Amino acid sequence: MVILELRGVIDRELKRKYLKKINSFSVLKVDTKEAKELIEAYLKKKILTKKHLRDATHVAVASVNNLDILVSWNFTHIVREKTRRLVNLVNWENGYRELTIIAPPEI
């Protein structure tokens, strides 16, 4: 998800800089049964909508891979107090641990 978002960066130098920074990161599988089920749970609870499926996927993949933190600049759909609380409620209901969602300035 991050790679897709960075590929959309218009500024070539900035894009190159960020892609270089994440070059050594592990790439997580997006299209798994667990992720799909968790995405559906988020959609069912209306935390995120089908219109924002990429955002729901980003959060679900982080959750099913037991990541501690998801860092995002997406203040509209992901880095919101309501989303943070509801994501963790659904994660708990589905047997996943808490995911801390933050914006880069919070690091």
C-alpha atoms as a PDB file:
ATOM      1  CA  MET A   1       0.000   0.000   0.000  1.00  0.00           C
ATOM      2  CA  VAL A   2       2.828   2.369   0.868  1.00  0.00           C
ATOM      3  CA  ILE A   3       4.663   1.637  -2.368  1.00  0.00           C
ATOM      4  CA  LEU A   4       1.519   2.348  -4.388  1.00  0.00           C
ATOM      5  CA  GLU A   5       1.014   5.631  -2.590  1.00  0.00           C
ATOM      6  CA  LEU A   6       4.644   6.687  -3.036  1.00  0.00           C
ATOM      7  CA  ARG A   7       4.553   5.888  -6.736  1.00  0.00           C
ATOM      8  CA  GLY A   8       1.871   8.551  -7.004  1.00  0.00           C
ATOM      9  CA  VAL A   9       4.140  11.294  -5.663  1.00  0.00           C
ATOM     10  CA  ILE A  10       4.600  13.883  -8.413  1.00  0.00           C
ATOM     11  CA  ASP A  11       7.900  15.371  -7.240  1.00  0.00           C
ATOM     12  CA  ARG A  12      10.484  12.961  -8.728  1.00  0.00           C
ATOM     13  CA  GLU A  13      13.241  13.756  -6.226  1.00  0.00           C
ATOM     14  CA  LEU A  14      10.911  13.364  -3.253  1.00  0.00           C
ATOM     15  CA  LYS A  15       9.550  10.104  -4.681  1.00  0.00           C
ATOM     16  CA  ARG A  16      13.094   8.763  -5.188  1.00  0.00           C
ATOM     17  CA  LYS A  17      14.047   9.774  -1.636  1.00  0.00           C
ATOM     18  CA  TYR A  18      11.070   8.040  -0.028  1.00  0.00           C
ATOM     19  CA  LEU A  19      11.278   4.902  -2.157  1.00  0.00           C
ATOM     20  CA  LYS A  20      14.956   4.627  -1.220  1.00  0.00           C
ATOM     21  CA  LYS A  21      14.040   4.924   2.487  1.00  0.00           C
ATOM     22  CA  ILE A  22      11.623   1.993   2.311  1.00  0.00           C
ATOM     23  CA  ASN A  23      13.808  -0.150   0.031  1.00  0.00           C
ATOM     24  CA  SER A  24      14.817  -2.453   2.885  1.00  0.00           C
ATOM     25  CA  PHE A  25      11.311  -2.801   4.346  1.00  0.00           C
ATOM     26  CA  SER A  26       9.494  -6.133   4.187  1.00  0.00           C
ATOM     27  CA  VAL A  27       6.563  -6.237   1.790  1.00  0.00           C
ATOM     28  CA  LEU A  28       3.446  -7.705   3.389  1.00  0.00           C
ATOM     29  CA  LYS A  29       0.903  -9.752   1.474  1.00  0.00           C
ATOM     30  CA  VAL A  30      -2.255  -7.771   0.870  1.00  0.00           C
ATOM     31  CA  ASP A  31      -4.543 -10.356  -0.693  1.00  0.00           C
ATOM     32  CA  THR A  32      -4.961 -12.812   2.176  1.00  0.00           C
ATOM     33  CA  LYS A  33      -8.092 -14.452   3.545  1.00  0.00           C
ATOM     34  CA  GLU A  34      -7.494 -12.881   6.968  1.00  0.00           C
ATOM     35  CA  ALA A  35      -7.066  -9.383   5.555  1.00  0.00           C
ATOM     36  CA  LYS A  36     -10.195  -9.734   3.406  1.00  0.00           C
ATOM     37  CA  GLU A  37     -12.244 -10.858   6.415  1.00  0.00           C
ATOM     38  CA  LEU A  38     -11.005  -7.975   8.541  1.00  0.00           C
ATOM     39  CA  ILE A  39     -11.685  -5.483   5.733  1.00  0.00           C
ATOM     40  CA  GLU A  40     -15.254  -6.785   5.586  1.00  0.00           C
ATOM     41  CA  ALA A  41     -15.577  -6.347   9.349  1.00  0.00           C
ATOM     42  CA  TYR A  42     -14.419  -2.709   9.066  1.00  0.00           C
ATOM     43  CA  LEU A  43     -16.895  -2.113   6.235  1.00  0.00           C
ATOM     44  CA  LYS A  44     -19.734  -3.780   8.128  1.00  0.00           C
ATOM     45  CA  LYS A  45     -19.140  -1.497  11.140  1.00  0.00           C
ATOM     46  CA  LYS A  46     -18.876   1.487   8.733  1.00  0.00           C
ATOM     47  CA  ILE A  47     -15.448   2.459  10.020  1.00  0.00           C
ATOM     48  CA  LEU A  48     -14.378   2.843   6.409  1.00  0.00           C
ATOM     49  CA  THR A  49     -16.417   2.506   3.218  1.00  0.00           C
ATOM     50  CA  LYS A  50     -15.965   0.584  -0.024  1.00  0.00           C
ATOM     51  CA  LYS A  51     -15.080   3.930  -1.590  1.00  0.00           C
ATOM     52  CA  HIS A  52     -12.021   3.931   0.687  1.00  0.00           C
ATOM     53  CA  LEU A  53     -11.128   0.275   0.249  1.00  0.00           C
ATOM     54  CA  ARG A  54      -7.406   1.053  -0.064  1.00  0.00           C
ATOM     55  CA  ASP A  55      -7.486   2.662   3.398  1.00  0.00           C
ATOM     56  CA  ALA A  56      -9.337  -0.312   4.887  1.00  0.00           C
ATOM     57  CA  THR A  57      -6.816  -2.646   3.265  1.00  0.00           C
ATOM     58  CA  HIS A  58      -3.890  -0.681   4.677  1.00  0.00           C
ATOM     59  CA  VAL A  59      -5.272  -0.933   8.219  1.00  0.00           C
ATOM     60  CA  ALA A  60      -6.305  -4.592   7.892  1.00  0.00           C
ATOM     61  CA  VAL A  61      -2.936  -5.716   6.525  1.00  0.00           C
ATOM     62  CA  ALA A  62      -1.149  -3.951   9.378  1.00  0.00           C
ATOM     63  CA  SER A  63      -3.503  -5.595  11.876  1.00  0.00           C
ATOM     64  CA  VAL A  64      -3.346  -9.169  10.575  1.00  0.00           C
ATOM     65  CA  ASN A  65       0.452  -8.937  10.453  1.00  0.00           C
ATOM     66  CA  ASN A  66       0.547  -7.908  14.107  1.00  0.00           C
ATOM     67  CA  LEU A  67       2.307  -4.616  13.467  1.00  0.00           C
ATOM     68  CA  ASP A  68       2.624  -2.354  16.483  1.00  0.00           C
ATOM     69  CA  ILE A  69       2.170   0.939  14.654  1.00  0.00           C
ATOM     70  CA  LEU A  70       0.644   2.173  11.407  1.00  0.00           C
ATOM     71  CA  VAL A  71       1.986   5.561  10.347  1.00  0.00           C
ATOM     72  CA  SER A  72      -0.156   7.519   7.912  1.00  0.00           C
ATOM     73  CA  TRP A  73      -0.649  11.034   6.608  1.00  0.00           C
ATOM     74  CA  ASN A  74      -4.298  10.187   5.860  1.00  0.00           C
ATOM     75  CA  PHE A  75      -6.053  12.467   8.347  1.00  0.00           C
ATOM     76  CA  THR A  76      -9.354  12.168   6.483  1.00  0.00           C
ATOM     77  CA  HIS A  77      -9.918   8.436   6.925  1.00  0.00           C
ATOM     78  CA  ILE A  78      -7.209   6.732   8.969  1.00  0.00           C
ATOM     79  CA  VAL A  79      -5.577   9.092  11.486  1.00  0.00           C
ATOM     80  CA  ARG A  80      -8.765  10.110  13.264  1.00  0.00           C
ATOM     81  CA  GLU A  81      -9.660   9.393  16.868  1.00  0.00           C
ATOM     82  CA  LYS A  82     -12.930   7.710  15.868  1.00  0.00           C
ATOM     83  CA  THR A  83     -11.157   5.452  13.364  1.00  0.00           C
ATOM     84  CA  ARG A  84      -8.443   4.598  15.868  1.00  0.00           C
ATOM     85  CA  ARG A  85     -10.972   3.510  18.495  1.00  0.00           C
ATOM     86  CA  LEU A  86     -13.283   1.607  16.154  1.00  0.00           C
ATOM     87  CA  VAL A  87     -10.454  -0.194  14.341  1.00  0.00           C
ATOM     88  CA  ASN A  88      -9.214  -1.512  17.657  1.00  0.00           C
ATOM     89  CA  LEU A  89     -12.698  -2.525  18.743  1.00  0.00           C
ATOM     90  CA  VAL A  90     -13.141  -4.566  15.550  1.00  0.00           C
ATOM     91  CA  ASN A  91      -9.617  -5.945  15.880  1.00  0.00           C
ATOM     92  CA  TRP A  92     -10.388  -7.091  19.419  1.00  0.00           C
ATOM     93  CA  GLU A  93     -13.704  -8.642  18.297  1.00  0.00           C
ATOM     94  CA  ASN A  94     -11.846 -10.569  15.602  1.00  0.00           C
ATOM     95  CA  GLY A  95      -8.946 -11.771  17.734  1.00  0.00           C
ATOM     96  CA  TYR A  96      -6.336  -9.236  16.671  1.00  0.00           C
ATOM     97  CA  ARG A  97      -4.277  -7.068  18.954  1.00  0.00           C
ATOM     98  CA  GLU A  98      -4.383  -3.308  19.267  1.00  0.00           C
ATOM     99  CA  LEU A  99      -2.904  -1.277  16.418  1.00  0.00           C
ATOM    100  CA  THR A 100      -1.526   2.157  17.210  1.00  0.00           C
ATOM    101  CA  ILE A 101      -2.387   4.523  14.369  1.00  0.00           C
ATOM    102  CA  ILE A 102      -0.353   7.721  14.244  1.00  0.00           C
ATOM    103  CA  ALA A 103       0.743  10.521  11.942  1.00  0.00           C
ATOM    104  CA  PRO A 104       4.447  11.068  11.207  1.00  0.00           C
ATOM    105  CA  PRO A 105       4.671  14.157  13.456  1.00  0.00           C
ATOM    106  CA  GLU A 106       3.644  11.936  16.399  1.00  0.00           C
ATOM    107  CA  ILE A 107       6.735   9.746  16.046  1.00  0.00           C
END
